[in-house]
Amino acid sequence: REKHTRECFVVAEEGADLRRIESEIVNMPNYFSDYDTTVHFITQ
């Protein structure tokens, strides 16, 4: 966590549960769970 941060820019499907998506990202093992991760939802 002290060496890197991660930043995600995500285009979600219409009507998708944004809170669930963000939770799945930041808690994903081997990818994001060990980092300070910021998720931004943006348009296509």
ModelCIF file with pLDDT and N, C-alpha, C, O atoms, coordinates in Angstrom:
data_MODEL
#
_entry.id   MODEL 
#
_entity.id                         1 
_entity.type                       polymer 
_entity.pdbx_number_of_molecules   1 
#
_entity_poly.entity_id                      1 
_entity_poly.type                           'polypeptide(L)' 
_entity_poly.nstd_linkage                   no 
_entity_poly.nstd_monomer                   no 
_entity_poly.pdbx_seq_one_letter_code       REKHTRECFVVAEEGADLRRIESEIVNMPNYFSDYDTTVHFITQ 
_entity_poly.pdbx_seq_one_letter_code_can   REKHTRECFVVAEEGADLRRIESEIVNMPNYFSDYDTTVHFITQ 
_entity_poly.pdbx_strand_id                 A 
#
loop_
_entity_poly_seq.entity_id 
_entity_poly_seq.num 
_entity_poly_seq.mon_id 
_entity_poly_seq.hetero 
1 1  ARG n 
1 2  GLU n 
1 3  LYS n 
1 4  HIS n 
1 5  THR n 
1 6  ARG n 
1 7  GLU n 
1 8  CYS n 
1 9  PHE n 
1 10 VAL n 
1 11 VAL n 
1 12 ALA n 
1 13 GLU n 
1 14 GLU n 
1 15 GLY n 
1 16 ALA n 
1 17 ASP n 
1 18 LEU n 
1 19 ARG n 
1 20 ARG n 
1 21 ILE n 
1 22 GLU n 
1 23 SER n 
1 24 GLU n 
1 25 ILE n 
1 26 VAL n 
1 27 ASN n 
1 28 MET n 
1 29 PRO n 
1 30 ASN n 
1 31 TYR n 
1 32 PHE n 
1 33 SER n 
1 34 ASP n 
1 35 TYR n 
1 36 ASP n 
1 37 THR n 
1 38 THR n 
1 39 VAL n 
1 40 HIS n 
1 41 PHE n 
1 42 ILE n 
1 43 THR n 
1 44 GLN n 
#
_struct_asym.id          A 
_struct_asym.entity_id   1 
#
loop_
_ma_qa_metric.id 
_ma_qa_metric.mode 
_ma_qa_metric.name 
_ma_qa_metric.software_group_id 
_ma_qa_metric.type 
1 global pLDDT . pLDDT 
2 local  pLDDT . pLDDT 
#
_ma_qa_metric_global.metric_id      1 
_ma_qa_metric_global.metric_value   97.11 
_ma_qa_metric_global.model_id       1 
_ma_qa_metric_global.ordinal_id     1 
#
loop_
_ma_qa_metric_local.label_asym_id 
_ma_qa_metric_local.label_comp_id 
_ma_qa_metric_local.label_seq_id 
_ma_qa_metric_local.metric_id 
_ma_qa_metric_local.metric_value 
_ma_qa_metric_local.model_id 
_ma_qa_metric_local.ordinal_id 
A ARG 1  2 95.00 1 1  
A GLU 2  2 97.00 1 2  
A LYS 3  2 97.00 1 3  
A HIS 4  2 97.00 1 4  
A THR 5  2 97.00 1 5  
A ARG 6  2 97.00 1 6  
A GLU 7  2 98.00 1 7  
A CYS 8  2 98.00 1 8  
A PHE 9  2 98.00 1 9  
A VAL 10 2 98.00 1 10 
A VAL 11 2 98.00 1 11 
A ALA 12 2 98.00 1 12 
A GLU 13 2 98.00 1 13 
A GLU 14 2 96.00 1 14 
A GLY 15 2 97.00 1 15 
A ALA 16 2 98.00 1 16 
A ASP 17 2 98.00 1 17 
A LEU 18 2 98.00 1 18 
A ARG 19 2 98.00 1 19 
A ARG 20 2 98.00 1 20 
A ILE 21 2 98.00 1 21 
A GLU 22 2 98.00 1 22 
A SER 23 2 98.00 1 23 
A GLU 24 2 98.00 1 24 
A ILE 25 2 98.00 1 25 
A VAL 26 2 98.00 1 26 
A ASN 27 2 98.00 1 27 
A MET 28 2 97.00 1 28 
A PRO 29 2 94.00 1 29 
A ASN 30 2 87.00 1 30 
A TYR 31 2 93.00 1 31 
A PHE 32 2 97.00 1 32 
A SER 33 2 97.00 1 33 
A ASP 34 2 96.00 1 34 
A TYR 35 2 97.00 1 35 
A ASP 36 2 97.00 1 36 
A THR 37 2 98.00 1 37 
A THR 38 2 98.00 1 38 
A VAL 39 2 98.00 1 39 
A HIS 40 2 98.00 1 40 
A PHE 41 2 98.00 1 41 
A ILE 42 2 98.00 1 42 
A THR 43 2 98.00 1 43 
A GLN 44 2 97.00 1 44 
#
loop_
_atom_site.group_PDB 
_atom_site.id 
_atom_site.type_symbol 
_atom_site.label_atom_id 
_atom_site.label_alt_id 
_atom_site.label_comp_id 
_atom_site.label_asym_id 
_atom_site.label_entity_id 
_atom_site.label_seq_id 
_atom_site.pdbx_PDB_ins_code 
_atom_site.Cartn_x 
_atom_site.Cartn_y 
_atom_site.Cartn_z 
_atom_site.occupancy 
_atom_site.B_iso_or_equiv 
_atom_site.pdbx_formal_charge 
_atom_site.auth_seq_id 
_atom_site.auth_comp_id 
_atom_site.auth_asym_id 
_atom_site.auth_atom_id 
_atom_site.pdbx_PDB_model_num 
ATOM 1   N N  . ARG A 1 1  ? 0.818   -1.211  0.000   1.00 95.00 ? 1  ARG A N  1 
ATOM 2   C CA . ARG A 1 1  ? 0.000   0.000   0.000   1.00 95.00 ? 1  ARG A CA 1 
ATOM 3   C C  . ARG A 1 1  ? 0.853   1.262   0.000   1.00 95.00 ? 1  ARG A C  1 
ATOM 4   O O  . ARG A 1 1  ? 0.416   2.299   -0.501  1.00 95.00 ? 1  ARG A O  1 
ATOM 5   N N  . GLU A 1 2  ? 2.052   1.194   0.549   1.00 97.00 ? 2  GLU A N  1 
ATOM 6   C CA . GLU A 1 2  ? 2.921   2.374   0.621   1.00 97.00 ? 2  GLU A CA 1 
ATOM 7   C C  . GLU A 1 2  ? 3.657   2.639   -0.683  1.00 97.00 ? 2  GLU A C  1 
ATOM 8   O O  . GLU A 1 2  ? 4.201   3.728   -0.866  1.00 97.00 ? 2  GLU A O  1 
ATOM 9   N N  . LYS A 1 3  ? 3.688   1.673   -1.591  1.00 97.00 ? 3  LYS A N  1 
ATOM 10  C CA . LYS A 1 3  ? 4.435   1.839   -2.841  1.00 97.00 ? 3  LYS A CA 1 
ATOM 11  C C  . LYS A 1 3  ? 3.587   2.363   -3.997  1.00 97.00 ? 3  LYS A C  1 
ATOM 12  O O  . LYS A 1 3  ? 4.088   3.101   -4.846  1.00 97.00 ? 3  LYS A O  1 
ATOM 13  N N  . HIS A 1 4  ? 2.295   1.985   -4.038  1.00 97.00 ? 4  HIS A N  1 
ATOM 14  C CA . HIS A 1 4  ? 1.449   2.356   -5.172  1.00 97.00 ? 4  HIS A CA 1 
ATOM 15  C C  . HIS A 1 4  ? 0.042   2.684   -4.716  1.00 97.00 ? 4  HIS A C  1 
ATOM 16  O O  . HIS A 1 4  ? -0.424  2.226   -3.673  1.00 97.00 ? 4  HIS A O  1 
ATOM 17  N N  . THR A 1 5  ? -0.622  3.496   -5.535  1.00 97.00 ? 5  THR A N  1 
ATOM 18  C CA . THR A 1 5  ? -2.068  3.644   -5.454  1.00 97.00 ? 5  THR A CA 1 
ATOM 19  C C  . THR A 1 5  ? -2.651  3.205   -6.791  1.00 97.00 ? 5  THR A C  1 
ATOM 20  O O  . THR A 1 5  ? -1.947  3.116   -7.796  1.00 97.00 ? 5  THR A O  1 
ATOM 21  N N  . ARG A 1 6  ? -3.959  2.932   -6.780  1.00 97.00 ? 6  ARG A N  1 
ATOM 22  C CA . ARG A 1 6  ? -4.631  2.540   -8.020  1.00 97.00 ? 6  ARG A CA 1 
ATOM 23  C C  . ARG A 1 6  ? -5.850  3.427   -8.230  1.00 97.00 ? 6  ARG A C  1 
ATOM 24  O O  . ARG A 1 6  ? -6.547  3.793   -7.284  1.00 97.00 ? 6  ARG A O  1 
ATOM 25  N N  . GLU A 1 7  ? -6.090  3.763   -9.495  1.00 98.00 ? 7  GLU A N  1 
ATOM 26  C CA . GLU A 1 7  ? -7.206  4.645   -9.839  1.00 98.00 ? 7  GLU A CA 1 
ATOM 27  C C  . GLU A 1 7  ? -7.962  4.038   -11.012 1.00 98.00 ? 7  GLU A C  1 
ATOM 28  O O  . GLU A 1 7  ? -7.372  3.754   -12.055 1.00 98.00 ? 7  GLU A O  1 
ATOM 29  N N  . CYS A 1 8  ? -9.256  3.840   -10.846 1.00 98.00 ? 8  CYS A N  1 
ATOM 30  C CA . CYS A 1 8  ? -10.081 3.207   -11.870 1.00 98.00 ? 8  CYS A CA 1 
ATOM 31  C C  . CYS A 1 8  ? -11.094 4.197   -12.437 1.00 98.00 ? 8  CYS A C  1 
ATOM 32  O O  . CYS A 1 8  ? -11.783 4.896   -11.694 1.00 98.00 ? 8  CYS A O  1 
ATOM 33  N N  . PHE A 1 9  ? -11.172 4.242   -13.749 1.00 98.00 ? 9  PHE A N  1 
ATOM 34  C CA . PHE A 1 9  ? -12.195 5.023   -14.439 1.00 98.00 ? 9  PHE A CA 1 
ATOM 35  C C  . PHE A 1 9  ? -13.122 4.025   -15.120 1.00 98.00 ? 9  PHE A C  1 
ATOM 36  O O  . PHE A 1 9  ? -12.709 3.302   -16.027 1.00 98.00 ? 9  PHE A O  1 
ATOM 37  N N  . VAL A 1 10 ? -14.372 3.988   -14.680 1.00 98.00 ? 10 VAL A N  1 
ATOM 38  C CA . VAL A 1 10 ? -15.289 2.921   -15.053 1.00 98.00 ? 10 VAL A CA 1 
ATOM 39  C C  . VAL A 1 10 ? -16.505 3.488   -15.771 1.00 98.00 ? 10 VAL A C  1 
ATOM 40  O O  . VAL A 1 10 ? -17.110 4.462   -15.324 1.00 98.00 ? 10 VAL A O  1 
ATOM 41  N N  . VAL A 1 11 ? -16.852 2.859   -16.899 1.00 98.00 ? 11 VAL A N  1 
ATOM 42  C CA . VAL A 1 11 ? -18.123 3.121   -17.569 1.00 98.00 ? 11 VAL A CA 1 
ATOM 43  C C  . VAL A 1 11 ? -19.047 1.970   -17.205 1.00 98.00 ? 11 VAL A C  1 
ATOM 44  O O  . VAL A 1 11 ? -18.779 0.820   -17.552 1.00 98.00 ? 11 VAL A O  1 
ATOM 45  N N  . ALA A 1 12 ? -20.132 2.278   -16.508 1.00 98.00 ? 12 ALA A N  1 
ATOM 46  C CA . ALA A 1 12 ? -21.064 1.247   -16.059 1.00 98.00 ? 12 ALA A CA 1 
ATOM 47  C C  . ALA A 1 12 ? -22.232 1.117   -17.034 1.00 98.00 ? 12 ALA A C  1 
ATOM 48  O O  . ALA A 1 12 ? -22.594 2.063   -17.733 1.00 98.00 ? 12 ALA A O  1 
ATOM 49  N N  . GLU A 1 13 ? -22.808 -0.083  -17.059 1.00 98.00 ? 13 GLU A N  1 
ATOM 50  C CA . GLU A 1 13 ? -24.025 -0.278  -17.840 1.00 98.00 ? 13 GLU A CA 1 
ATOM 51  C C  . GLU A 1 13 ? -25.157 0.534   -17.216 1.00 98.00 ? 13 GLU A C  1 
ATOM 52  O O  . GLU A 1 13 ? -25.158 0.795   -16.013 1.00 98.00 ? 13 GLU A O  1 
ATOM 53  N N  . GLU A 1 14 ? -26.108 0.925   -18.040 1.00 96.00 ? 14 GLU A N  1 
ATOM 54  C CA . GLU A 1 14 ? -27.246 1.701   -17.551 1.00 96.00 ? 14 GLU A CA 1 
ATOM 55  C C  . GLU A 1 14 ? -28.005 0.896   -16.492 1.00 96.00 ? 14 GLU A C  1 
ATOM 56  O O  . GLU A 1 14 ? -28.356 -0.262  -16.715 1.00 96.00 ? 14 GLU A O  1 
ATOM 57  N N  . GLY A 1 15 ? -28.248 1.512   -15.362 1.00 97.00 ? 15 GLY A N  1 
ATOM 58  C CA . GLY A 1 15 ? -28.987 0.865   -14.297 1.00 97.00 ? 15 GLY A CA 1 
ATOM 59  C C  . GLY A 1 15 ? -28.156 -0.030  -13.401 1.00 97.00 ? 15 GLY A C  1 
ATOM 60  O O  . GLY A 1 15 ? -28.701 -0.647  -12.486 1.00 97.00 ? 15 GLY A O  1 
ATOM 61  N N  . ALA A 1 16 ? -26.850 -0.122  -13.635 1.00 98.00 ? 16 ALA A N  1 
ATOM 62  C CA . ALA A 1 16 ? -25.995 -0.997  -12.822 1.00 98.00 ? 16 ALA A CA 1 
ATOM 63  C C  . ALA A 1 16 ? -25.866 -0.460  -11.400 1.00 98.00 ? 16 ALA A C  1 
ATOM 64  O O  . ALA A 1 16 ? -25.988 0.743   -11.165 1.00 98.00 ? 16 ALA A O  1 
ATOM 65  N N  . ASP A 1 17 ? -25.623 -1.356  -10.466 1.00 98.00 ? 17 ASP A N  1 
ATOM 66  C CA . ASP A 1 17 ? -25.454 -0.995  -9.066  1.00 98.00 ? 17 ASP A CA 1 
ATOM 67  C C  . ASP A 1 17 ? -24.023 -0.492  -8.855  1.00 98.00 ? 17 ASP A C  1 
ATOM 68  O O  . ASP A 1 17 ? -23.091 -1.290  -8.752  1.00 98.00 ? 17 ASP A O  1 
ATOM 69  N N  . LEU A 1 18 ? -23.855 0.812   -8.792  1.00 98.00 ? 18 LEU A N  1 
ATOM 70  C CA . LEU A 1 18 ? -22.515 1.400   -8.723  1.00 98.00 ? 18 LEU A CA 1 
ATOM 71  C C  . LEU A 1 18 ? -21.815 1.066   -7.411  1.00 98.00 ? 18 LEU A C  1 
ATOM 72  O O  . LEU A 1 18 ? -20.606 0.834   -7.397  1.00 98.00 ? 18 LEU A O  1 
ATOM 73  N N  . ARG A 1 19 ? -22.549 1.041   -6.324  1.00 98.00 ? 19 ARG A N  1 
ATOM 74  C CA . ARG A 1 19 ? -21.930 0.708   -5.034  1.00 98.00 ? 19 ARG A CA 1 
ATOM 75  C C  . ARG A 1 19 ? -21.389 -0.716  -5.038  1.00 98.00 ? 19 ARG A C  1 
ATOM 76  O O  . ARG A 1 19 ? -20.299 -0.968  -4.524  1.00 98.00 ? 19 ARG A O  1 
ATOM 77  N N  . ARG A 1 20 ? -22.152 -1.658  -5.621  1.00 98.00 ? 20 ARG A N  1 
ATOM 78  C CA . ARG A 1 20 ? -21.681 -3.040  -5.692  1.00 98.00 ? 20 ARG A CA 1 
ATOM 79  C C  . ARG A 1 20 ? -20.431 -3.134  -6.550  1.00 98.00 ? 20 ARG A C  1 
ATOM 80  O O  . ARG A 1 20 ? -19.475 -3.816  -6.179  1.00 98.00 ? 20 ARG A O  1 
ATOM 81  N N  . ILE A 1 21 ? -20.425 -2.455  -7.696  1.00 98.00 ? 21 ILE A N  1 
ATOM 82  C CA . ILE A 1 21 ? -19.262 -2.495  -8.591  1.00 98.00 ? 21 ILE A CA 1 
ATOM 83  C C  . ILE A 1 21 ? -18.031 -1.953  -7.881  1.00 98.00 ? 21 ILE A C  1 
ATOM 84  O O  . ILE A 1 21 ? -16.961 -2.560  -7.933  1.00 98.00 ? 21 ILE A O  1 
ATOM 85  N N  . GLU A 1 22 ? -18.184 -0.804  -7.215  1.00 98.00 ? 22 GLU A N  1 
ATOM 86  C CA . GLU A 1 22 ? -17.050 -0.222  -6.498  1.00 98.00 ? 22 GLU A CA 1 
ATOM 87  C C  . GLU A 1 22 ? -16.541 -1.167  -5.415  1.00 98.00 ? 22 GLU A C  1 
ATOM 88  O O  . GLU A 1 22 ? -15.332 -1.326  -5.247  1.00 98.00 ? 22 GLU A O  1 
ATOM 89  N N  . SER A 1 23 ? -17.455 -1.793  -4.683  1.00 98.00 ? 23 SER A N  1 
ATOM 90  C CA . SER A 1 23 ? -17.054 -2.723  -3.632  1.00 98.00 ? 23 SER A CA 1 
ATOM 91  C C  . SER A 1 23 ? -16.311 -3.918  -4.205  1.00 98.00 ? 23 SER A C  1 
ATOM 92  O O  . SER A 1 23 ? -15.308 -4.351  -3.639  1.00 98.00 ? 23 SER A O  1 
ATOM 93  N N  . GLU A 1 24 ? -16.795 -4.460  -5.331  1.00 98.00 ? 24 GLU A N  1 
ATOM 94  C CA . GLU A 1 24 ? -16.116 -5.607  -5.948  1.00 98.00 ? 24 GLU A CA 1 
ATOM 95  C C  . GLU A 1 24 ? -14.719 -5.230  -6.422  1.00 98.00 ? 24 GLU A C  1 
ATOM 96  O O  . GLU A 1 24 ? -13.798 -6.044  -6.352  1.00 98.00 ? 24 GLU A O  1 
ATOM 97  N N  . ILE A 1 25 ? -14.557 -4.004  -6.902  1.00 98.00 ? 25 ILE A N  1 
ATOM 98  C CA . ILE A 1 25 ? -13.239 -3.564  -7.365  1.00 98.00 ? 25 ILE A CA 1 
ATOM 99  C C  . ILE A 1 25 ? -12.272 -3.448  -6.194  1.00 98.00 ? 25 ILE A C  1 
ATOM 100 O O  . ILE A 1 25 ? -11.219 -4.085  -6.196  1.00 98.00 ? 25 ILE A O  1 
ATOM 101 N N  . VAL A 1 26 ? -12.613 -2.653  -5.208  1.00 98.00 ? 26 VAL A N  1 
ATOM 102 C CA . VAL A 1 26 ? -11.648 -2.351  -4.144  1.00 98.00 ? 26 VAL A CA 1 
ATOM 103 C C  . VAL A 1 26 ? -11.342 -3.561  -3.277  1.00 98.00 ? 26 VAL A C  1 
ATOM 104 O O  . VAL A 1 26 ? -10.324 -3.583  -2.586  1.00 98.00 ? 26 VAL A O  1 
ATOM 105 N N  . ASN A 1 27 ? -12.216 -4.580  -3.302  1.00 98.00 ? 27 ASN A N  1 
ATOM 106 C CA . ASN A 1 27 ? -11.984 -5.772  -2.489  1.00 98.00 ? 27 ASN A CA 1 
ATOM 107 C C  . ASN A 1 27 ? -11.497 -6.968  -3.306  1.00 98.00 ? 27 ASN A C  1 
ATOM 108 O O  . ASN A 1 27 ? -11.427 -8.078  -2.778  1.00 98.00 ? 27 ASN A O  1 
ATOM 109 N N  . MET A 1 28 ? -11.158 -6.767  -4.580  1.00 97.00 ? 28 MET A N  1 
ATOM 110 C CA . MET A 1 28 ? -10.739 -7.869  -5.438  1.00 97.00 ? 28 MET A CA 1 
ATOM 111 C C  . MET A 1 28 ? -9.350  -8.363  -5.036  1.00 97.00 ? 28 MET A C  1 
ATOM 112 O O  . MET A 1 28 ? -8.388  -7.599  -5.106  1.00 97.00 ? 28 MET A O  1 
ATOM 113 N N  . PRO A 1 29 ? -9.224  -9.626  -4.617  1.00 94.00 ? 29 PRO A N  1 
ATOM 114 C CA . PRO A 1 29 ? -7.909  -10.134 -4.212  1.00 94.00 ? 29 PRO A CA 1 
ATOM 115 C C  . PRO A 1 29 ? -6.955  -10.216 -5.390  1.00 94.00 ? 29 PRO A C  1 
ATOM 116 O O  . PRO A 1 29 ? -7.378  -10.414 -6.529  1.00 94.00 ? 29 PRO A O  1 
ATOM 117 N N  . ASN A 1 30 ? -5.656  -10.062 -5.113  1.00 87.00 ? 30 ASN A N  1 
ATOM 118 C CA . ASN A 1 30 ? -4.575  -10.120 -6.106  1.00 87.00 ? 30 ASN A CA 1 
ATOM 119 C C  . ASN A 1 30 ? -4.536  -8.911  -7.033  1.00 87.00 ? 30 ASN A C  1 
ATOM 120 O O  . ASN A 1 30 ? -3.566  -8.738  -7.770  1.00 87.00 ? 30 ASN A O  1 
ATOM 121 N N  . TYR A 1 31 ? -5.569  -8.074  -7.012  1.00 93.00 ? 31 TYR A N  1 
ATOM 122 C CA . TYR A 1 31 ? -5.628  -6.928  -7.912  1.00 93.00 ? 31 TYR A CA 1 
ATOM 123 C C  . TYR A 1 31 ? -5.713  -5.594  -7.161  1.00 93.00 ? 31 TYR A C  1 
ATOM 124 O O  . TYR A 1 31 ? -4.905  -4.699  -7.406  1.00 93.00 ? 31 TYR A O  1 
ATOM 125 N N  . PHE A 1 32 ? -6.689  -5.452  -6.243  1.00 97.00 ? 32 PHE A N  1 
ATOM 126 C CA . PHE A 1 32 ? -6.935  -4.149  -5.637  1.00 97.00 ? 32 PHE A CA 1 
ATOM 127 C C  . PHE A 1 32 ? -6.986  -4.151  -4.108  1.00 97.00 ? 32 PHE A C  1 
ATOM 128 O O  . PHE A 1 32 ? -6.816  -3.100  -3.491  1.00 97.00 ? 32 PHE A O  1 
ATOM 129 N N  . SER A 1 33 ? -7.210  -5.285  -3.499  1.00 97.00 ? 33 SER A N  1 
ATOM 130 C CA . SER A 1 33 ? -7.488  -5.291  -2.063  1.00 97.00 ? 33 SER A CA 1 
ATOM 131 C C  . SER A 1 33 ? -6.310  -4.812  -1.215  1.00 97.00 ? 33 SER A C  1 
ATOM 132 O O  . SER A 1 33 ? -6.508  -4.356  -0.089  1.00 97.00 ? 33 SER A O  1 
ATOM 133 N N  . ASP A 1 34 ? -5.097  -4.909  -1.738  1.00 96.00 ? 34 ASP A N  1 
ATOM 134 C CA . ASP A 1 34 ? -3.924  -4.497  -0.964  1.00 96.00 ? 34 ASP A CA 1 
ATOM 135 C C  . ASP A 1 34 ? -3.498  -3.060  -1.238  1.00 96.00 ? 34 ASP A C  1 
ATOM 136 O O  . ASP A 1 34 ? -2.449  -2.626  -0.762  1.00 96.00 ? 34 ASP A O  1 
ATOM 137 N N  . TYR A 1 35 ? -4.296  -2.319  -1.995  1.00 97.00 ? 35 TYR A N  1 
ATOM 138 C CA . TYR A 1 35 ? -3.927  -0.962  -2.404  1.00 97.00 ? 35 TYR A CA 1 
ATOM 139 C C  . TYR A 1 35 ? -5.010  0.027   -2.002  1.00 97.00 ? 35 TYR A C  1 
ATOM 140 O O  . TYR A 1 35 ? -6.170  -0.345  -1.820  1.00 97.00 ? 35 TYR A O  1 
ATOM 141 N N  . ASP A 1 36 ? -4.617  1.304   -1.863  1.00 97.00 ? 36 ASP A N  1 
ATOM 142 C CA . ASP A 1 36 ? -5.602  2.382   -1.783  1.00 97.00 ? 36 ASP A CA 1 
ATOM 143 C C  . ASP A 1 36 ? -6.123  2.613   -3.198  1.00 97.00 ? 36 ASP A C  1 
ATOM 144 O O  . ASP A 1 36 ? -5.378  3.067   -4.067  1.00 97.00 ? 36 ASP A O  1 
ATOM 145 N N  . THR A 1 37 ? -7.374  2.309   -3.431  1.00 98.00 ? 37 THR A N  1 
ATOM 146 C CA . THR A 1 37 ? -7.958  2.337   -4.769  1.00 98.00 ? 37 THR A CA 1 
ATOM 147 C C  . THR A 1 37 ? -9.102  3.334   -4.826  1.00 98.00 ? 37 THR A C  1 
ATOM 148 O O  . THR A 1 37 ? -9.991  3.319   -3.975  1.00 98.00 ? 37 THR A O  1 
ATOM 149 N N  . THR A 1 38 ? -9.077  4.193   -5.823  1.00 98.00 ? 38 THR A N  1 
ATOM 150 C CA . THR A 1 38 ? -10.128 5.176   -6.049  1.00 98.00 ? 38 THR A CA 1 
ATOM 151 C C  . THR A 1 38 ? -10.879 4.801   -7.320  1.00 98.00 ? 38 THR A C  1 
ATOM 152 O O  . THR A 1 38 ? -10.258 4.509   -8.342  1.00 98.00 ? 38 THR A O  1 
ATOM 153 N N  . VAL A 1 39 ? -12.196 4.807   -7.267  1.00 98.00 ? 39 VAL A N  1 
ATOM 154 C CA . VAL A 1 39 ? -13.032 4.451   -8.419  1.00 98.00 ? 39 VAL A CA 1 
ATOM 155 C C  . VAL A 1 39 ? -13.827 5.670   -8.857  1.00 98.00 ? 39 VAL A C  1 
ATOM 156 O O  . VAL A 1 39 ? -14.516 6.296   -8.051  1.00 98.00 ? 39 VAL A O  1 
ATOM 157 N N  . HIS A 1 40 ? -13.725 6.006   -10.155 1.00 98.00 ? 40 HIS A N  1 
ATOM 158 C CA . HIS A 1 40 ? -14.500 7.103   -10.735 1.00 98.00 ? 40 HIS A CA 1 
ATOM 159 C C  . HIS A 1 40 ? -15.444 6.503   -11.780 1.00 98.00 ? 40 HIS A C  1 
ATOM 160 O O  . HIS A 1 40 ? -15.010 5.712   -12.618 1.00 98.00 ? 40 HIS A O  1 
ATOM 161 N N  . PHE A 1 41 ? -16.700 6.862   -11.741 1.00 98.00 ? 41 PHE A N  1 
ATOM 162 C CA . PHE A 1 41 ? -17.648 6.451   -12.772 1.00 98.00 ? 41 PHE A CA 1 
ATOM 163 C C  . PHE A 1 41 ? -17.804 7.590   -13.772 1.00 98.00 ? 41 PHE A C  1 
ATOM 164 O O  . PHE A 1 41 ? -18.127 8.718   -13.402 1.00 98.00 ? 41 PHE A O  1 
ATOM 165 N N  . ILE A 1 42 ? -17.571 7.278   -15.042 1.00 98.00 ? 42 ILE A N  1 
ATOM 166 C CA . ILE A 1 42 ? -17.587 8.287   -16.088 1.00 98.00 ? 42 ILE A CA 1 
ATOM 167 C C  . ILE A 1 42 ? -18.432 7.785   -17.260 1.00 98.00 ? 42 ILE A C  1 
ATOM 168 O O  . ILE A 1 42 ? -18.859 6.630   -17.277 1.00 98.00 ? 42 ILE A O  1 
ATOM 169 N N  . THR A 1 43 ? -18.667 8.661   -18.234 1.00 98.00 ? 43 THR A N  1 
ATOM 170 C CA . THR A 1 43 ? -19.425 8.278   -19.425 1.00 98.00 ? 43 THR A CA 1 
ATOM 171 C C  . THR A 1 43 ? -18.493 7.679   -20.475 1.00 98.00 ? 43 THR A C  1 
ATOM 172 O O  . THR A 1 43 ? -17.272 7.816   -20.393 1.00 98.00 ? 43 THR A O  1 
ATOM 173 N N  . GLN A 1 44 ? -19.091 7.014   -21.461 1.00 97.00 ? 44 GLN A N  1 
ATOM 174 C CA . GLN A 1 44 ? -18.299 6.450   -22.552 1.00 97.00 ? 44 GLN A CA 1 
ATOM 175 C C  . GLN A 1 44 ? -17.609 7.569   -23.334 1.00 97.00 ? 44 GLN A C  1 
ATOM 176 O O  . GLN A 1 44 ? -16.892 7.298   -24.296 1.00 97.00 ? 44 GLN A O  1 
#
